[in-house]
């Protein structure tokens, strides 16, 4: 994961981390993405939800529901 240092709050390489999932390698939280993009965490959540809905729609069109 890429660390950042800005103004008052910033991630540090040696900072202790609380219980990260084992599959968290190179993944960013919504808050980290929001900071990098300069938007709110809630906006990142909205974008993520819309992207997942589009992905689901594409998959359901490609593979009919009865195939599952």
PDB file of N, CA and C in Angstrom:
ATOM      1  N   UNK A   1       0.853  -1.170   0.000  1.00  0.00           N
ATOM      2  CA  UNK A   1       0.000   0.000   0.000  1.00  0.00           C
ATOM      3  C   UNK A   1       0.896   1.228   0.000  1.00  0.00           C
ATOM      4  N   UNK A   2       0.543   2.200  -0.769  1.00  0.00           N
ATOM      5  CA  UNK A   2       1.305   3.429  -0.850  1.00  0.00           C
ATOM      6  C   UNK A   2       0.928   4.341   0.311  1.00  0.00           C
ATOM      7  N   UNK A   3       1.934   4.828   0.995  1.00  0.00           N
ATOM      8  CA  UNK A   3       1.692   5.696   2.141  1.00  0.00           C
ATOM      9  C   UNK A   3       1.818   7.150   1.715  1.00  0.00           C
ATOM     10  N   UNK A   4       1.154   8.009   2.432  1.00  0.00           N
ATOM     11  CA  UNK A   4       1.166   9.424   2.093  1.00  0.00           C
ATOM     12  C   UNK A   4       1.459  10.234   3.335  1.00  0.00           C
ATOM     13  N   UNK A   5       2.011  11.407   3.117  1.00  0.00           N
ATOM     14  CA  UNK A   5       2.294  12.331   4.205  1.00  0.00           C
ATOM     15  C   UNK A   5       1.787  13.699   3.793  1.00  0.00           C
ATOM     16  N   UNK A   6       0.800  14.192   4.465  1.00  0.00           N
ATOM     17  CA  UNK A   6       0.251  15.505   4.182  1.00  0.00           C
ATOM     18  C   UNK A   6      -0.133  16.191   5.469  1.00  0.00           C
ATOM     19  N   UNK A   7       0.060  17.453   5.510  1.00  0.00           N
ATOM     20  CA  UNK A   7      -0.368  18.339   6.577  1.00  0.00           C
ATOM     21  C   UNK A   7      -0.426  17.660   7.939  1.00  0.00           C
ATOM     22  N   UNK A   8      -1.581  17.728   8.619  1.00  0.00           N
ATOM     23  CA  UNK A   8      -1.683  17.254   9.990  1.00  0.00           C
ATOM     24  C   UNK A   8      -1.776  15.736  10.099  1.00  0.00           C
ATOM     25  N   UNK A   9      -2.553  15.121   9.222  1.00  0.00           N
ATOM     26  CA  UNK A   9      -2.769  13.683   9.325  1.00  0.00           C
ATOM     27  C   UNK A   9      -2.096  12.986   8.159  1.00  0.00           C
ATOM     28  N   UNK A  10      -1.336  11.948   8.444  1.00  0.00           N
ATOM     29  CA  UNK A  10      -0.693  11.192   7.378  1.00  0.00           C
ATOM     30  C   UNK A  10      -0.325   9.806   7.845  1.00  0.00           C
ATOM     31  N   UNK A  11      -0.287   8.872   6.931  1.00  0.00           N
ATOM     32  CA  UNK A  11       0.105   7.512   7.252  1.00  0.00           C
ATOM     33  C   UNK A  11       1.612   7.459   7.342  1.00  0.00           C
ATOM     34  N   UNK A  12       2.107   6.676   8.238  1.00  0.00           N
ATOM     35  CA  UNK A  12       3.532   6.474   8.369  1.00  0.00           C
ATOM     36  C   UNK A  12       3.810   4.978   8.223  1.00  0.00           C
ATOM     37  N   UNK A  13       4.984   4.655   7.661  1.00  0.00           N
ATOM     38  CA  UNK A  13       5.329   3.259   7.432  1.00  0.00           C
ATOM     39  C   UNK A  13       5.347   2.438   8.717  1.00  0.00           C
ATOM     40  N   UNK A  14       5.809   3.025   9.809  1.00  0.00           N
ATOM     41  CA  UNK A  14       5.963   2.278  11.052  1.00  0.00           C
ATOM     42  C   UNK A  14       4.747   2.367  11.960  1.00  0.00           C
ATOM     43  N   UNK A  15       3.686   2.989  11.519  1.00  0.00           N
ATOM     44  CA  UNK A  15       2.497   3.143  12.343  1.00  0.00           C
ATOM     45  C   UNK A  15       1.833   1.784  12.550  1.00  0.00           C
ATOM     46  N   UNK A  16       1.475   1.456  13.794  1.00  0.00           N
ATOM     47  CA  UNK A  16       0.798   0.169  14.026  1.00  0.00           C
ATOM     48  C   UNK A  16      -0.579   0.164  13.375  1.00  0.00           C
ATOM     49  N   UNK A  17      -0.929  -0.934  12.803  1.00  0.00           N
ATOM     50  CA  UNK A  17      -2.220  -1.077  12.131  1.00  0.00           C
ATOM     51  C   UNK A  17      -3.088  -2.048  12.920  1.00  0.00           C
ATOM     52  N   UNK A  18      -4.369  -1.753  12.963  1.00  0.00           N
ATOM     53  CA  UNK A  18      -5.288  -2.657  13.645  1.00  0.00           C
ATOM     54  C   UNK A  18      -5.793  -3.696  12.666  1.00  0.00           C
ATOM     55  N   UNK A  19      -5.973  -4.886  13.119  1.00  0.00           N
ATOM     56  CA  UNK A  19      -6.537  -6.029  12.423  1.00  0.00           C
ATOM     57  C   UNK A  19      -6.931  -5.792  10.965  1.00  0.00           C
ATOM     58  N   UNK A  20      -5.976  -5.848  10.078  1.00  0.00           N
ATOM     59  CA  UNK A  20      -6.256  -5.749   8.648  1.00  0.00           C
ATOM     60  C   UNK A  20      -6.627  -7.125   8.122  1.00  0.00           C
ATOM     61  N   UNK A  21      -7.568  -7.193   7.191  1.00  0.00           N
ATOM     62  CA  UNK A  21      -7.884  -8.495   6.592  1.00  0.00           C
ATOM     63  C   UNK A  21      -6.653  -9.060   5.901  1.00  0.00           C
ATOM     64  N   UNK A  22      -6.566 -10.357   5.825  1.00  0.00           N
ATOM     65  CA  UNK A  22      -5.395 -10.983   5.218  1.00  0.00           C
ATOM     66  C   UNK A  22      -5.263 -10.667   3.736  1.00  0.00           C
ATOM     67  N   UNK A  23      -6.363 -10.345   3.078  1.00  0.00           N
ATOM     68  CA  UNK A  23      -6.321 -10.058   1.641  1.00  0.00           C
ATOM     69  C   UNK A  23      -6.179  -8.561   1.368  1.00  0.00           C
ATOM     70  N   UNK A  24      -5.665  -7.803   2.307  1.00  0.00           N
ATOM     71  CA  UNK A  24      -5.616  -6.349   2.173  1.00  0.00           C
ATOM     72  C   UNK A  24      -4.368  -5.854   1.444  1.00  0.00           C
ATOM     73  N   UNK A  25      -3.567  -6.727   0.897  1.00  0.00           N
ATOM     74  CA  UNK A  25      -2.344  -6.318   0.235  1.00  0.00           C
ATOM     75  C   UNK A  25      -2.648  -5.447  -0.983  1.00  0.00           C
ATOM     76  N   UNK A  26      -2.089  -4.259  -0.997  1.00  0.00           N
ATOM     77  CA  UNK A  26      -2.232  -3.294  -2.096  1.00  0.00           C
ATOM     78  C   UNK A  26      -3.662  -2.796  -2.312  1.00  0.00           C
ATOM     79  N   UNK A  27      -4.514  -2.902  -1.321  1.00  0.00           N
ATOM     80  CA  UNK A  27      -5.870  -2.384  -1.413  1.00  0.00           C
ATOM     81  C   UNK A  27      -5.958  -1.105  -0.586  1.00  0.00           C
ATOM     82  N   UNK A  28      -6.808  -0.192  -1.012  1.00  0.00           N
ATOM     83  CA  UNK A  28      -7.008   1.060  -0.288  1.00  0.00           C
ATOM     84  C   UNK A  28      -8.407   1.098   0.288  1.00  0.00           C
ATOM     85  N   UNK A  29      -8.548   1.715   1.439  1.00  0.00           N
ATOM     86  CA  UNK A  29      -9.874   1.913   2.017  1.00  0.00           C
ATOM     87  C   UNK A  29     -10.582   3.029   1.263  1.00  0.00           C
ATOM     88  N   UNK A  30     -11.879   3.143   1.475  1.00  0.00           N
ATOM     89  CA  UNK A  30     -12.625   4.235   0.844  1.00  0.00           C
ATOM     90  C   UNK A  30     -12.069   5.580   1.295  1.00  0.00           C
ATOM     91  N   UNK A  31     -11.680   5.689   2.553  1.00  0.00           N
ATOM     92  CA  UNK A  31     -11.137   6.942   3.063  1.00  0.00           C
ATOM     93  C   UNK A  31      -9.818   7.290   2.382  1.00  0.00           C
ATOM     94  N   UNK A  32      -8.958   6.297   2.180  1.00  0.00           N
ATOM     95  CA  UNK A  32      -7.683   6.532   1.506  1.00  0.00           C
ATOM     96  C   UNK A  32      -7.901   6.957   0.058  1.00  0.00           C
ATOM     97  N   UNK A  33      -8.845   6.321  -0.629  1.00  0.00           N
ATOM     98  CA  UNK A  33      -9.162   6.698  -2.011  1.00  0.00           C
ATOM     99  C   UNK A  33      -9.701   8.124  -2.044  1.00  0.00           C
ATOM    100  N   UNK A  34     -10.581   8.453  -1.102  1.00  0.00           N
ATOM    101  CA  UNK A  34     -11.162   9.795  -1.047  1.00  0.00           C
ATOM    102  C   UNK A  34     -10.073  10.853  -0.886  1.00  0.00           C
ATOM    103  N   UNK A  35      -9.122  10.590  -0.026  1.00  0.00           N
ATOM    104  CA  UNK A  35      -8.031  11.545   0.196  1.00  0.00           C
ATOM    105  C   UNK A  35      -7.205  11.708  -1.069  1.00  0.00           C
ATOM    106  N   UNK A  36      -6.876  10.597  -1.721  1.00  0.00           N
ATOM    107  CA  UNK A  36      -6.078  10.665  -2.951  1.00  0.00           C
ATOM    108  C   UNK A  36      -6.795  11.417  -4.065  1.00  0.00           C
ATOM    109  N   UNK A  37      -8.128  11.248  -4.145  1.00  0.00           N
ATOM    110  CA  UNK A  37      -8.895  11.896  -5.211  1.00  0.00           C
ATOM    111  C   UNK A  37      -9.401  13.280  -4.836  1.00  0.00           C
ATOM    112  N   UNK A  38      -9.336  13.611  -3.561  1.00  0.00           N
ATOM    113  CA  UNK A  38      -9.809  14.920  -3.119  1.00  0.00           C
ATOM    114  C   UNK A  38     -11.326  15.022  -3.084  1.00  0.00           C
ATOM    115  N   UNK A  39     -11.987  13.912  -2.765  1.00  0.00           N
ATOM    116  CA  UNK A  39     -13.441  13.897  -2.637  1.00  0.00           C
ATOM    117  C   UNK A  39     -13.788  13.309  -1.276  1.00  0.00           C
ATOM    118  N   UNK A  40     -15.077  13.312  -0.937  1.00  0.00           N
ATOM    119  CA  UNK A  40     -15.495  12.759   0.355  1.00  0.00           C
ATOM    120  C   UNK A  40     -15.570  11.233   0.290  1.00  0.00           C
ATOM    121  N   UNK A  41     -15.492  10.592   1.446  1.00  0.00           N
ATOM    122  CA  UNK A  41     -15.613   9.149   1.514  1.00  0.00           C
ATOM    123  C   UNK A  41     -16.987   8.697   1.039  1.00  0.00           C
ATOM    124  N   UNK A  42     -18.009   9.494   1.346  1.00  0.00           N
ATOM    125  CA  UNK A  42     -19.353   9.122   0.910  1.00  0.00           C
ATOM    126  C   UNK A  42     -19.469   9.156  -0.617  1.00  0.00           C
ATOM    127  N   UNK A  43     -18.763  10.074  -1.262  1.00  0.00           N
ATOM    128  CA  UNK A  43     -18.779  10.122  -2.735  1.00  0.00           C
ATOM    129  C   UNK A  43     -18.099   8.889  -3.313  1.00  0.00           C
ATOM    130  N   UNK A  44     -17.016   8.460  -2.688  1.00  0.00           N
ATOM    131  CA  UNK A  44     -16.341   7.234  -3.121  1.00  0.00           C
ATOM    132  C   UNK A  44     -17.290   6.050  -2.980  1.00  0.00           C
ATOM    133  N   UNK A  45     -18.045   6.016  -1.890  1.00  0.00           N
ATOM    134  CA  UNK A  45     -19.016   4.952  -1.667  1.00  0.00           C
ATOM    135  C   UNK A  45     -20.097   4.952  -2.744  1.00  0.00           C
ATOM    136  N   UNK A  46     -20.582   6.136  -3.114  1.00  0.00           N
ATOM    137  CA  UNK A  46     -21.590   6.244  -4.171  1.00  0.00           C
ATOM    138  C   UNK A  46     -21.052   5.730  -5.499  1.00  0.00           C
ATOM    139  N   UNK A  47     -19.842   6.112  -5.833  1.00  0.00           N
ATOM    140  CA  UNK A  47     -19.222   5.681  -7.089  1.00  0.00           C
ATOM    141  C   UNK A  47     -19.029   4.171  -7.079  1.00  0.00           C
ATOM    142  N   UNK A  48     -18.567   3.641  -5.956  1.00  0.00           N
ATOM    143  CA  UNK A  48     -18.364   2.202  -5.830  1.00  0.00           C
ATOM    144  C   UNK A  48     -19.686   1.449  -6.004  1.00  0.00           C
ATOM    145  N   UNK A  49     -20.756   1.937  -5.388  1.00  0.00           N
ATOM    146  CA  UNK A  49     -22.065   1.294  -5.499  1.00  0.00           C
ATOM    147  C   UNK A  49     -22.569   1.287  -6.933  1.00  0.00           C
ATOM    148  N   UNK A  50     -22.418   2.415  -7.626  1.00  0.00           N
ATOM    149  CA  UNK A  50     -22.854   2.485  -9.025  1.00  0.00           C
ATOM    150  C   UNK A  50     -22.045   1.548  -9.901  1.00  0.00           C
ATOM    151  N   UNK A  51     -20.737   1.472  -9.656  1.00  0.00           N
ATOM    152  CA  UNK A  51     -19.876   0.584 -10.448  1.00  0.00           C
ATOM    153  C   UNK A  51     -20.265  -0.873 -10.235  1.00  0.00           C
ATOM    154  N   UNK A  52     -20.526  -1.255  -8.989  1.00  0.00           N
ATOM    155  CA  UNK A  52     -20.925  -2.633  -8.705  1.00  0.00           C
ATOM    156  C   UNK A  52     -22.276  -2.969  -9.330  1.00  0.00           C
ATOM    157  N   UNK A  53     -23.202  -2.014  -9.314  1.00  0.00           N
ATOM    158  CA  UNK A  53     -24.504  -2.233  -9.940  1.00  0.00           C
ATOM    159  C   UNK A  53     -24.364  -2.422 -11.445  1.00  0.00           C
ATOM    160  N   UNK A  54     -23.517  -1.614 -12.088  1.00  0.00           N
ATOM    161  CA  UNK A  54     -23.276  -1.763 -13.527  1.00  0.00           C
ATOM    162  C   UNK A  54     -22.653  -3.115 -13.828  1.00  0.00           C
ATOM    163  N   UNK A  55     -21.692  -3.512 -13.002  1.00  0.00           N
ATOM    164  CA  UNK A  55     -21.029  -4.794 -13.189  1.00  0.00           C
ATOM    165  C   UNK A  55     -22.029  -5.939 -13.049  1.00  0.00           C
ATOM    166  N   UNK A  56     -22.887  -5.862 -12.041  1.00  0.00           N
ATOM    167  CA  UNK A  56     -23.910  -6.886 -11.824  1.00  0.00           C
ATOM    168  C   UNK A  56     -24.850  -6.964 -13.015  1.00  0.00           C
ATOM    169  N   UNK A  57     -25.273  -5.803 -13.535  1.00  0.00           N
ATOM    170  CA  UNK A  57     -26.180  -5.759 -14.685  1.00  0.00           C
ATOM    171  C   UNK A  57     -25.545  -6.422 -15.899  1.00  0.00           C
ATOM    172  N   UNK A  58     -24.279  -6.126 -16.143  1.00  0.00           N
ATOM    173  CA  UNK A  58     -23.573  -6.726 -17.284  1.00  0.00           C
ATOM    174  C   UNK A  58     -23.490  -8.234 -17.130  1.00  0.00           C
ATOM    175  N   UNK A  59     -23.147  -8.687 -15.926  1.00  0.00           N
ATOM    176  CA  UNK A  59     -23.049 -10.136 -15.699  1.00  0.00           C
ATOM    177  C   UNK A  59     -24.394 -10.826 -15.864  1.00  0.00           C
ATOM    178  N   UNK A  60     -25.453 -10.211 -15.351  1.00  0.00           N
ATOM    179  CA  UNK A  60     -26.771 -10.826 -15.475  1.00  0.00           C
ATOM    180  C   UNK A  60     -27.248 -10.874 -16.917  1.00  0.00           C
ATOM    181  N   UNK A  61     -26.870  -9.889 -17.717  1.00  0.00           N
ATOM    182  CA  UNK A  61     -27.227  -9.917 -19.144  1.00  0.00           C
ATOM    183  C   UNK A  61     -26.452 -11.001 -19.873  1.00  0.00           C
ATOM    184  N   UNK A  62     -25.180 -11.128 -19.521  1.00  0.00           N
ATOM    185  CA  UNK A  62     -24.338 -12.103 -20.203  1.00  0.00           C
ATOM    186  C   UNK A  62     -24.711 -13.530 -19.814  1.00  0.00           C
ATOM    187  N   UNK A  63     -24.914 -13.725 -18.523  1.00  0.00           N
ATOM    188  CA  UNK A  63     -25.258 -15.051 -18.009  1.00  0.00           C
ATOM    189  C   UNK A  63     -26.649 -14.954 -17.404  1.00  0.00           C
ATOM    190  N   UNK A  64     -27.605 -15.482 -18.080  1.00  0.00           N
ATOM    191  CA  UNK A  64     -28.989 -15.386 -17.649  1.00  0.00           C
ATOM    192  C   UNK A  64     -29.132 -15.930 -16.231  1.00  0.00           C
ATOM    193  N   UNK A  65     -30.045 -15.351 -15.472  1.00  0.00           N
ATOM    194  CA  UNK A  65     -30.246 -15.714 -14.072  1.00  0.00           C
ATOM    195  C   UNK A  65     -30.521 -17.212 -13.911  1.00  0.00           C
ATOM    196  N   UNK A  66     -31.173 -17.827 -14.883  1.00  0.00           N
ATOM    197  CA  UNK A  66     -31.510 -19.246 -14.765  1.00  0.00           C
ATOM    198  C   UNK A  66     -30.277 -20.132 -14.875  1.00  0.00           C
ATOM    199  N   UNK A  67     -29.174 -19.614 -15.391  1.00  0.00           N
ATOM    200  CA  UNK A  67     -27.939 -20.386 -15.482  1.00  0.00           C
ATOM    201  C   UNK A  67     -27.280 -20.577 -14.125  1.00  0.00           C
ATOM    202  N   UNK A  68     -27.683 -19.804 -13.128  1.00  0.00           N
ATOM    203  CA  UNK A  68     -27.072 -19.894 -11.810  1.00  0.00           C
ATOM    204  C   UNK A  68     -27.806 -20.899 -11.060  1.00  0.00           C
TER     205      UNK A  68
END
